Amino acid sequence: MPAVSICTDAFTVPAQAMAKAYGFPGFEFITVKHPIASLDTAQLRDRARELLPELLRILGVEAG
């Protein structure tokens, strides 16, 4: 099943380190502005919409 990893920008360095440690140094993932725990549903939805073009690119899907 195709999937894309998403983490907050505060975890970019650890995410890159884990990808390298597991043998995937060029692994692509998406970052979202930290923090997200305090956001309400509408704010989370807005953040998700912002990520959609990059998510589709990583999955190899053309937006249209």
N, C-alpha and C. Protein backbone atom coordinates (compact mmCIF):
# COMPACT_ATOMS: atom_id res chain seq x y z
N MET A 1 0.85 -1.17 0.00
CA MET A 1 0.00 0.00 0.00
C MET A 1 0.89 1.23 0.00
N PRO A 2 0.73 2.12 -0.96
CA PRO A 2 1.52 3.35 -0.99
C PRO A 2 1.25 4.20 0.24
N ALA A 3 2.30 4.82 0.74
CA ALA A 3 2.18 5.67 1.93
C ALA A 3 3.26 6.74 1.88
N VAL A 4 3.02 7.83 2.59
CA VAL A 4 3.99 8.90 2.73
C VAL A 4 4.13 9.22 4.21
N SER A 5 5.36 9.31 4.67
CA SER A 5 5.60 9.70 6.06
C SER A 5 5.48 11.20 6.21
N ILE A 6 4.84 11.61 7.30
CA ILE A 6 4.67 13.03 7.60
C ILE A 6 5.13 13.26 9.03
N CYS A 7 5.96 14.27 9.23
CA CYS A 7 6.37 14.62 10.59
C CYS A 7 6.43 16.14 10.69
N THR A 8 6.42 16.64 11.92
CA THR A 8 6.54 18.08 12.07
C THR A 8 7.99 18.49 11.83
N ASP A 9 8.18 19.75 11.45
CA ASP A 9 9.52 20.22 11.09
C ASP A 9 10.52 20.13 12.25
N ALA A 10 10.04 20.04 13.46
CA ALA A 10 10.93 19.87 14.61
C ALA A 10 11.63 18.52 14.58
N PHE A 11 11.12 17.58 13.80
CA PHE A 11 11.68 16.23 13.75
C PHE A 11 12.36 15.92 12.42
N THR A 12 12.69 16.94 11.63
CA THR A 12 13.33 16.73 10.34
C THR A 12 14.66 16.00 10.48
N VAL A 13 15.53 16.49 11.35
CA VAL A 13 16.85 15.88 11.52
C VAL A 13 16.74 14.43 12.00
N PRO A 14 15.95 14.14 13.03
CA PRO A 14 15.82 12.73 13.42
C PRO A 14 15.21 11.85 12.32
N ALA A 15 14.27 12.39 11.56
CA ALA A 15 13.66 11.61 10.47
C ALA A 15 14.70 11.28 9.41
N GLN A 16 15.53 12.25 9.06
CA GLN A 16 16.59 12.00 8.08
C GLN A 16 17.59 10.98 8.61
N ALA A 17 17.93 11.08 9.89
CA ALA A 17 18.88 10.14 10.50
C ALA A 17 18.31 8.72 10.51
N MET A 18 17.04 8.58 10.82
CA MET A 18 16.42 7.24 10.82
C MET A 18 16.38 6.66 9.42
N ALA A 19 16.04 7.48 8.43
CA ALA A 19 16.01 7.00 7.05
C ALA A 19 17.39 6.51 6.64
N LYS A 20 18.42 7.27 6.98
CA LYS A 20 19.80 6.87 6.66
C LYS A 20 20.18 5.59 7.39
N ALA A 21 19.84 5.51 8.66
CA ALA A 21 20.18 4.33 9.47
C ALA A 21 19.52 3.06 8.94
N TYR A 22 18.35 3.20 8.35
CA TYR A 22 17.64 2.04 7.79
C TYR A 22 17.97 1.80 6.33
N GLY A 23 18.96 2.55 5.81
CA GLY A 23 19.42 2.31 4.46
C GLY A 23 18.69 3.07 3.37
N PHE A 24 17.99 4.12 3.73
CA PHE A 24 17.25 4.93 2.76
C PHE A 24 17.62 6.41 2.90
N PRO A 25 18.89 6.77 2.61
CA PRO A 25 19.33 8.15 2.87
C PRO A 25 18.58 9.20 2.06
N GLY A 26 18.01 8.86 0.93
CA GLY A 26 17.27 9.82 0.12
C GLY A 26 15.77 9.73 0.30
N PHE A 27 15.32 9.05 1.36
CA PHE A 27 13.90 8.84 1.60
C PHE A 27 13.17 10.18 1.68
N GLU A 28 12.11 10.31 0.91
CA GLU A 28 11.33 11.55 0.93
C GLU A 28 10.18 11.44 1.92
N PHE A 29 10.02 12.49 2.69
CA PHE A 29 8.90 12.58 3.62
C PHE A 29 8.45 14.03 3.63
N ILE A 30 7.33 14.27 4.22
CA ILE A 30 6.76 15.62 4.26
C ILE A 30 6.85 16.15 5.69
N THR A 31 7.17 17.44 5.78
CA THR A 31 7.15 18.06 7.10
C THR A 31 6.05 19.12 7.15
N VAL A 32 5.48 19.24 8.31
CA VAL A 32 4.45 20.23 8.57
C VAL A 32 4.95 21.09 9.73
N LYS A 33 4.55 22.35 9.73
CA LYS A 33 4.99 23.28 10.76
C LYS A 33 4.62 22.77 12.16
N HIS A 34 5.58 22.82 13.06
CA HIS A 34 5.40 22.39 14.45
C HIS A 34 4.93 23.59 15.27
N PRO A 35 4.08 23.40 16.23
CA PRO A 35 3.43 22.18 16.70
C PRO A 35 2.07 21.99 16.03
N ILE A 36 1.53 20.79 16.18
CA ILE A 36 0.19 20.54 15.65
C ILE A 36 -0.79 20.10 16.74
N ALA A 37 -0.27 19.71 17.91
CA ALA A 37 -1.13 19.18 18.97
C ALA A 37 -2.17 20.19 19.45
N SER A 38 -1.86 21.47 19.35
CA SER A 38 -2.79 22.49 19.86
C SER A 38 -3.78 22.98 18.80
N LEU A 39 -3.69 22.45 17.58
CA LEU A 39 -4.58 22.91 16.52
C LEU A 39 -5.96 22.28 16.62
N ASP A 40 -6.96 23.03 16.19
CA ASP A 40 -8.31 22.45 16.14
C ASP A 40 -8.49 21.74 14.79
N THR A 41 -9.63 21.13 14.60
CA THR A 41 -9.88 20.33 13.40
C THR A 41 -9.75 21.14 12.12
N ALA A 42 -10.27 22.35 12.11
CA ALA A 42 -10.20 23.19 10.91
C ALA A 42 -8.75 23.55 10.58
N GLN A 43 -7.96 23.85 11.60
CA GLN A 43 -6.55 24.18 11.38
C GLN A 43 -5.77 22.97 10.87
N LEU A 44 -6.05 21.80 11.42
CA LEU A 44 -5.41 20.57 10.94
C LEU A 44 -5.78 20.30 9.48
N ARG A 45 -7.04 20.53 9.16
CA ARG A 45 -7.50 20.33 7.78
C ARG A 45 -6.76 21.27 6.83
N ASP A 46 -6.57 22.52 7.25
CA ASP A 46 -5.84 23.49 6.43
C ASP A 46 -4.40 23.04 6.21
N ARG A 47 -3.76 22.57 7.26
CA ARG A 47 -2.38 22.07 7.12
C ARG A 47 -2.32 20.89 6.17
N ALA A 48 -3.29 20.00 6.28
CA ALA A 48 -3.32 18.83 5.40
C ALA A 48 -3.49 19.24 3.95
N ARG A 49 -4.34 20.22 3.70
CA ARG A 49 -4.54 20.71 2.33
C ARG A 49 -3.25 21.30 1.76
N GLU A 50 -2.49 21.98 2.60
CA GLU A 50 -1.22 22.55 2.17
C GLU A 50 -0.22 21.47 1.75
N LEU A 51 -0.30 20.32 2.39
CA LEU A 51 0.63 19.22 2.13
C LEU A 51 0.25 18.40 0.89
N LEU A 52 -0.97 18.49 0.48
CA LEU A 52 -1.48 17.61 -0.57
C LEU A 52 -0.66 17.60 -1.86
N PRO A 53 -0.26 18.75 -2.41
CA PRO A 53 0.53 18.69 -3.66
C PRO A 53 1.84 17.91 -3.50
N GLU A 54 2.53 18.12 -2.38
CA GLU A 54 3.79 17.40 -2.14
C GLU A 54 3.54 15.92 -1.92
N LEU A 55 2.50 15.59 -1.21
CA LEU A 55 2.13 14.20 -0.98
C LEU A 55 1.86 13.49 -2.31
N LEU A 56 1.09 14.12 -3.17
CA LEU A 56 0.79 13.54 -4.47
C LEU A 56 2.05 13.39 -5.32
N ARG A 57 2.96 14.37 -5.25
CA ARG A 57 4.21 14.29 -6.00
C ARG A 57 5.02 13.08 -5.55
N ILE A 58 5.17 12.90 -4.25
CA ILE A 58 5.94 11.77 -3.72
C ILE A 58 5.30 10.44 -4.16
N LEU A 59 3.99 10.39 -4.16
CA LEU A 59 3.29 9.17 -4.57
C LEU A 59 3.31 8.95 -6.09
N GLY A 60 3.70 9.98 -6.83
CA GLY A 60 3.74 9.86 -8.29
C GLY A 60 2.39 10.05 -8.93
N VAL A 61 1.52 10.78 -8.26
CA VAL A 61 0.17 11.03 -8.77
C VAL A 61 0.09 12.46 -9.29
N GLU A 62 -0.46 12.63 -10.47
CA GLU A 62 -0.62 13.97 -11.01
C GLU A 62 -1.88 14.61 -10.44
N ALA A 63 -1.73 15.83 -9.91
CA ALA A 63 -2.90 16.56 -9.42
C ALA A 63 -3.69 17.05 -10.62
N GLY A 64 -4.98 17.02 -10.49
CA GLY A 64 -5.75 17.48 -11.62
C GLY A 64 -7.13 17.56 -11.30
